[in-house]
Amino acid sequence: MKYIYLLIAFISTVHTTFAADNILWISNSDLRNGDVHLDDIPNAIRSAIDFFMGIAGTVAVIFVIIWAYKILFGSLQQDKTKGRDTIIMALSWFALAALAWLIIKTIIANLT
């Protein structure tokens, strides 16, 4: 069941990202014509980072929801401890991803 939730979240994230008029901050006509310049690289990196940050956030929220249910309905103390530890790890990895996102955004903003 958890794989179905992950698949739905991933599909909705990918659909929202690629439904935009311009992928990677480059217009579709420029991509088709091959009119891509070095100035477009930071924008493409920025867009890719935002895409992967959206996926990381979605996965973190799904993990928190699934393991919160396991804590709520877990009958054994071991299940509750494992659920709490998993939630802490999911939030820690999301915080690390957010920090990496902030650092990369700062570097790209200073380079452009």
N, C-alpha and C. Protein backbone atom coordinates (compact mmCIF):
# COMPACT_ATOMS: atom_id res chain seq x y z
N MET A 1 0.82 -1.19 0.00
CA MET A 1 0.00 0.00 0.00
C MET A 1 0.86 1.26 0.00
N LYS A 2 1.98 1.20 0.74
CA LYS A 2 2.82 2.40 0.78
C LYS A 2 3.44 2.70 -0.58
N TYR A 3 3.67 1.68 -1.38
CA TYR A 3 4.23 1.91 -2.70
C TYR A 3 3.23 2.64 -3.61
N ILE A 4 1.96 2.37 -3.39
CA ILE A 4 0.93 3.06 -4.17
C ILE A 4 0.93 4.55 -3.83
N TYR A 5 1.04 4.87 -2.53
CA TYR A 5 1.10 6.26 -2.12
C TYR A 5 2.33 6.97 -2.68
N LEU A 6 3.46 6.29 -2.65
CA LEU A 6 4.68 6.87 -3.20
C LEU A 6 4.56 7.09 -4.70
N LEU A 7 3.95 6.14 -5.39
CA LEU A 7 3.77 6.27 -6.83
C LEU A 7 2.85 7.43 -7.17
N ILE A 8 1.76 7.57 -6.44
CA ILE A 8 0.82 8.67 -6.68
C ILE A 8 1.50 10.01 -6.41
N ALA A 9 2.26 10.10 -5.33
CA ALA A 9 2.95 11.35 -5.01
C ALA A 9 3.98 11.69 -6.07
N PHE A 10 4.72 10.69 -6.52
CA PHE A 10 5.75 10.93 -7.54
C PHE A 10 5.12 11.37 -8.85
N ILE A 11 4.04 10.71 -9.25
CA ILE A 11 3.37 11.07 -10.51
C ILE A 11 2.81 12.48 -10.44
N SER A 12 2.22 12.85 -9.30
CA SER A 12 1.67 14.20 -9.19
C SER A 12 2.77 15.24 -9.20
N THR A 13 3.92 14.94 -8.61
CA THR A 13 5.04 15.88 -8.62
C THR A 13 5.61 16.03 -10.02
N VAL A 14 5.79 14.92 -10.71
CA VAL A 14 6.34 14.97 -12.07
C VAL A 14 5.37 15.66 -13.01
N HIS A 15 4.08 15.37 -12.87
CA HIS A 15 3.09 15.98 -13.75
C HIS A 15 3.06 17.50 -13.55
N THR A 16 3.11 17.95 -12.32
CA THR A 16 3.09 19.38 -12.05
C THR A 16 4.33 20.06 -12.59
N THR A 17 5.46 19.41 -12.48
CA THR A 17 6.70 20.02 -12.94
C THR A 17 6.77 20.08 -14.46
N PHE A 18 6.43 19.01 -15.13
CA PHE A 18 6.57 18.97 -16.58
C PHE A 18 5.35 19.50 -17.32
N ALA A 19 4.31 19.90 -16.59
CA ALA A 19 3.15 20.49 -17.24
C ALA A 19 3.39 21.96 -17.56
N ALA A 20 4.48 22.50 -17.07
CA ALA A 20 4.78 23.90 -17.30
C ALA A 20 5.07 24.15 -18.78
N ASP A 21 4.95 25.41 -19.16
CA ASP A 21 5.16 25.77 -20.56
C ASP A 21 6.63 25.65 -20.94
N ASN A 22 7.50 25.89 -20.01
CA ASN A 22 8.93 25.79 -20.32
C ASN A 22 9.60 24.90 -19.28
N ILE A 23 10.26 23.90 -19.77
CA ILE A 23 10.97 22.97 -18.90
C ILE A 23 12.38 23.50 -18.70
N LEU A 24 12.86 23.44 -17.50
CA LEU A 24 14.20 23.89 -17.15
C LEU A 24 14.41 25.39 -17.42
N TRP A 25 13.36 26.17 -17.32
CA TRP A 25 13.39 27.62 -17.51
C TRP A 25 13.83 28.02 -18.91
N ILE A 26 13.74 27.10 -19.84
CA ILE A 26 14.08 27.38 -21.22
C ILE A 26 12.81 27.13 -22.03
N SER A 27 12.44 28.05 -22.87
CA SER A 27 11.19 27.88 -23.61
C SER A 27 11.29 26.68 -24.55
N ASN A 28 10.12 26.10 -24.83
CA ASN A 28 10.09 24.91 -25.68
C ASN A 28 10.60 25.21 -27.09
N SER A 29 10.32 26.41 -27.61
CA SER A 29 10.79 26.74 -28.95
C SER A 29 12.31 26.84 -29.00
N ASP A 30 12.91 27.37 -27.94
CA ASP A 30 14.38 27.44 -27.90
C ASP A 30 14.99 26.04 -27.82
N LEU A 31 14.36 25.16 -27.05
CA LEU A 31 14.87 23.79 -26.97
C LEU A 31 14.76 23.07 -28.31
N ARG A 32 13.65 23.26 -29.00
CA ARG A 32 13.45 22.59 -30.29
C ARG A 32 14.40 23.12 -31.36
N ASN A 33 14.69 24.43 -31.29
CA ASN A 33 15.57 25.03 -32.28
C ASN A 33 17.04 24.88 -31.92
N GLY A 34 17.33 24.41 -30.73
CA GLY A 34 18.71 24.29 -30.30
C GLY A 34 19.32 25.62 -29.90
N ASP A 35 18.48 26.58 -29.58
CA ASP A 35 18.95 27.92 -29.22
C ASP A 35 19.13 28.01 -27.71
N VAL A 36 20.08 27.23 -27.19
CA VAL A 36 20.36 27.20 -25.76
C VAL A 36 21.78 27.72 -25.56
N HIS A 37 21.93 28.64 -24.60
CA HIS A 37 23.22 29.29 -24.38
C HIS A 37 23.75 28.94 -22.99
N LEU A 38 24.98 29.32 -22.73
CA LEU A 38 25.59 29.08 -21.43
C LEU A 38 24.88 29.84 -20.32
N ASP A 39 24.22 30.93 -20.66
CA ASP A 39 23.48 31.69 -19.66
C ASP A 39 22.28 30.92 -19.13
N ASP A 40 21.83 29.92 -19.86
CA ASP A 40 20.67 29.14 -19.45
C ASP A 40 21.03 28.03 -18.46
N ILE A 41 22.30 27.73 -18.28
CA ILE A 41 22.71 26.63 -17.40
C ILE A 41 22.31 26.87 -15.94
N PRO A 42 22.57 28.06 -15.37
CA PRO A 42 22.13 28.25 -13.98
C PRO A 42 20.62 28.12 -13.80
N ASN A 43 19.87 28.58 -14.79
CA ASN A 43 18.42 28.44 -14.70
C ASN A 43 18.00 26.98 -14.76
N ALA A 44 18.68 26.20 -15.59
CA ALA A 44 18.37 24.77 -15.68
C ALA A 44 18.72 24.06 -14.37
N ILE A 45 19.85 24.42 -13.78
CA ILE A 45 20.23 23.82 -12.50
C ILE A 45 19.23 24.20 -11.42
N ARG A 46 18.82 25.46 -11.39
CA ARG A 46 17.85 25.94 -10.41
C ARG A 46 16.53 25.18 -10.55
N SER A 47 16.10 24.97 -11.77
CA SER A 47 14.85 24.26 -12.00
C SER A 47 14.95 22.79 -11.59
N ALA A 48 16.08 22.15 -11.89
CA ALA A 48 16.27 20.75 -11.51
C ALA A 48 16.32 20.60 -9.99
N ILE A 49 16.96 21.55 -9.32
CA ILE A 49 17.03 21.50 -7.86
C ILE A 49 15.63 21.66 -7.26
N ASP A 50 14.85 22.59 -7.80
CA ASP A 50 13.48 22.76 -7.30
C ASP A 50 12.66 21.49 -7.51
N PHE A 51 12.86 20.83 -8.65
CA PHE A 51 12.14 19.59 -8.93
C PHE A 51 12.50 18.51 -7.91
N PHE A 52 13.78 18.30 -7.68
CA PHE A 52 14.19 17.27 -6.74
C PHE A 52 13.84 17.62 -5.30
N MET A 53 13.80 18.91 -4.98
CA MET A 53 13.38 19.32 -3.64
C MET A 53 11.90 19.03 -3.45
N GLY A 54 11.12 19.20 -4.49
CA GLY A 54 9.70 18.84 -4.41
C GLY A 54 9.51 17.36 -4.18
N ILE A 55 10.31 16.55 -4.85
CA ILE A 55 10.23 15.10 -4.64
C ILE A 55 10.66 14.75 -3.21
N ALA A 56 11.72 15.36 -2.72
CA ALA A 56 12.19 15.08 -1.36
C ALA A 56 11.14 15.46 -0.32
N GLY A 57 10.51 16.59 -0.51
CA GLY A 57 9.45 17.01 0.41
C GLY A 57 8.26 16.08 0.38
N THR A 58 7.88 15.65 -0.81
CA THR A 58 6.75 14.73 -0.94
C THR A 58 7.04 13.40 -0.27
N VAL A 59 8.22 12.87 -0.49
CA VAL A 59 8.60 11.59 0.13
C VAL A 59 8.66 11.72 1.65
N ALA A 60 9.20 12.84 2.14
CA ALA A 60 9.28 13.03 3.59
C ALA A 60 7.90 13.10 4.22
N VAL A 61 6.98 13.80 3.59
CA VAL A 61 5.62 13.89 4.13
C VAL A 61 4.94 12.53 4.11
N ILE A 62 5.14 11.78 3.04
CA ILE A 62 4.53 10.44 2.96
C ILE A 62 5.09 9.53 4.05
N PHE A 63 6.40 9.57 4.26
CA PHE A 63 7.00 8.75 5.32
C PHE A 63 6.44 9.13 6.68
N VAL A 64 6.31 10.42 6.94
CA VAL A 64 5.78 10.86 8.24
C VAL A 64 4.35 10.37 8.42
N ILE A 65 3.54 10.47 7.39
CA ILE A 65 2.14 10.03 7.50
C ILE A 65 2.06 8.52 7.73
N ILE A 66 2.78 7.75 6.94
CA ILE A 66 2.72 6.29 7.06
C ILE A 66 3.20 5.83 8.43
N TRP A 67 4.33 6.36 8.87
CA TRP A 67 4.86 5.91 10.16
C TRP A 67 4.10 6.49 11.33
N ALA A 68 3.42 7.62 11.15
CA ALA A 68 2.55 8.13 12.22
C ALA A 68 1.37 7.18 12.43
N TYR A 69 0.83 6.65 11.34
CA TYR A 69 -0.22 5.64 11.48
C TYR A 69 0.31 4.39 12.17
N LYS A 70 1.52 4.01 11.86
CA LYS A 70 2.10 2.83 12.52
C LYS A 70 2.30 3.09 14.01
N ILE A 71 2.67 4.30 14.38
CA ILE A 71 2.78 4.63 15.80
C ILE A 71 1.40 4.62 16.45
N LEU A 72 0.44 5.21 15.77
CA LEU A 72 -0.91 5.32 16.32
C LEU A 72 -1.55 3.96 16.54
N PHE A 73 -1.40 3.08 15.58
CA PHE A 73 -2.06 1.79 15.67
C PHE A 73 -1.11 0.65 16.05
N GLY A 74 0.12 0.96 16.36
CA GLY A 74 1.08 -0.07 16.76
C GLY A 74 0.75 -0.58 18.15
N SER A 75 0.70 -1.88 18.28
CA SER A 75 0.33 -2.46 19.57
C SER A 75 1.55 -2.74 20.44
N LEU A 76 2.67 -2.96 19.83
CA LEU A 76 3.88 -3.28 20.58
C LEU A 76 4.72 -2.02 20.80
N GLN A 77 5.42 -1.98 21.88
CA GLN A 77 6.29 -0.83 22.16
C GLN A 77 7.40 -0.73 21.14
N GLN A 78 7.87 -1.88 20.63
CA GLN A 78 8.93 -1.88 19.64
C GLN A 78 8.46 -1.21 18.34
N ASP A 79 7.20 -1.45 17.95
CA ASP A 79 6.66 -0.82 16.75
C ASP A 79 6.59 0.69 16.91
N LYS A 80 6.20 1.14 18.08
CA LYS A 80 6.10 2.58 18.31
C LYS A 80 7.48 3.24 18.31
N THR A 81 8.46 2.58 18.88
CA THR A 81 9.82 3.12 18.89
C THR A 81 10.39 3.16 17.48
N LYS A 82 10.17 2.11 16.72
CA LYS A 82 10.66 2.08 15.34
C LYS A 82 9.97 3.17 14.51
N GLY A 83 8.68 3.37 14.71
CA GLY A 83 7.96 4.41 13.99
C GLY A 83 8.48 5.80 14.33
N ARG A 84 8.72 6.04 15.63
CA ARG A 84 9.24 7.34 16.05
C ARG A 84 10.63 7.59 15.45
N ASP A 85 11.47 6.57 15.48
CA ASP A 85 12.82 6.72 14.92
C ASP A 85 12.78 6.96 13.42
N THR A 86 11.86 6.31 12.73
CA THR A 86 11.74 6.51 11.29
C THR A 86 11.27 7.92 10.97
N ILE A 87 10.34 8.44 11.74
CA ILE A 87 9.87 9.80 11.51
C ILE A 87 11.00 10.80 11.76
N ILE A 88 11.76 10.59 12.80
CA ILE A 88 12.89 11.48 13.08
C ILE A 88 13.90 11.43 11.95
N MET A 89 14.18 10.24 11.43
CA MET A 89 15.12 10.12 10.31
C MET A 89 14.58 10.80 9.05
N ALA A 90 13.29 10.63 8.76
CA ALA A 90 12.70 11.26 7.58
C ALA A 90 12.79 12.78 7.68
N LEU A 91 12.49 13.31 8.84
CA LEU A 91 12.57 14.76 9.02
C LEU A 91 14.01 15.25 9.00
N SER A 92 14.93 14.44 9.51
CA SER A 92 16.35 14.82 9.48
C SER A 92 16.87 14.88 8.05
N TRP A 93 16.52 13.87 7.25
CA TRP A 93 16.97 13.87 5.86
C TRP A 93 16.32 14.99 5.06
N PHE A 94 15.07 15.31 5.38
CA PHE A 94 14.43 16.44 4.70
C PHE A 94 15.10 17.76 5.09
N ALA A 95 15.46 17.90 6.36
CA ALA A 95 16.17 19.11 6.79
C ALA A 95 17.52 19.21 6.10
N LEU A 96 18.21 18.10 5.94
CA LEU A 96 19.48 18.10 5.23
C LEU A 96 19.30 18.49 3.76
N ALA A 97 18.24 17.97 3.14
CA ALA A 97 17.96 18.33 1.75
C ALA A 97 17.61 19.81 1.64
N ALA A 98 16.86 20.33 2.60
CA ALA A 98 16.51 21.75 2.58
C ALA A 98 17.74 22.63 2.77
N LEU A 99 18.66 22.20 3.62
CA LEU A 99 19.90 22.95 3.82
C LEU A 99 20.75 22.93 2.55
N ALA A 100 20.83 21.79 1.90
CA ALA A 100 21.57 21.70 0.64
C ALA A 100 20.93 22.59 -0.43
N TRP A 101 19.59 22.60 -0.45
CA TRP A 101 18.86 23.46 -1.40
C TRP A 101 19.19 24.92 -1.14
N LEU A 102 19.20 25.32 0.12
CA LEU A 102 19.50 26.71 0.47
C LEU A 102 20.93 27.09 0.08
N ILE A 103 21.88 26.21 0.33
CA ILE A 103 23.27 26.50 -0.03
C ILE A 103 23.43 26.63 -1.54
N ILE A 104 22.85 25.71 -2.28
CA ILE A 104 22.98 25.74 -3.74
C ILE A 104 22.28 26.96 -4.31
N LYS A 105 21.11 27.30 -3.79
CA LYS A 105 20.40 28.50 -4.26
C LYS A 105 21.22 29.76 -3.99
N THR A 106 21.87 29.81 -2.84
CA THR A 106 22.69 30.97 -2.50
C THR A 106 23.88 31.08 -3.46
N ILE A 107 24.53 29.96 -3.73
CA ILE A 107 25.67 29.96 -4.64
C ILE A 107 25.25 30.38 -6.04
N ILE A 108 24.15 29.84 -6.53
CA ILE A 108 23.70 30.20 -7.89
C ILE A 108 23.28 31.65 -7.95
N ALA A 109 22.64 32.16 -6.89
CA ALA A 109 22.24 33.57 -6.88
C ALA A 109 23.45 34.49 -6.91
N ASN A 110 24.52 34.09 -6.26
CA ASN A 110 25.72 34.93 -6.26
C ASN A 110 26.51 34.80 -7.56
N LEU A 111 26.36 33.72 -8.28
CA LEU A 111 27.08 33.56 -9.55
C LEU A 111 26.38 34.22 -10.72
N THR A 112 25.08 34.42 -10.60
CA THR A 112 24.35 35.01 -11.74
C THR A 112 24.17 36.48 -11.58
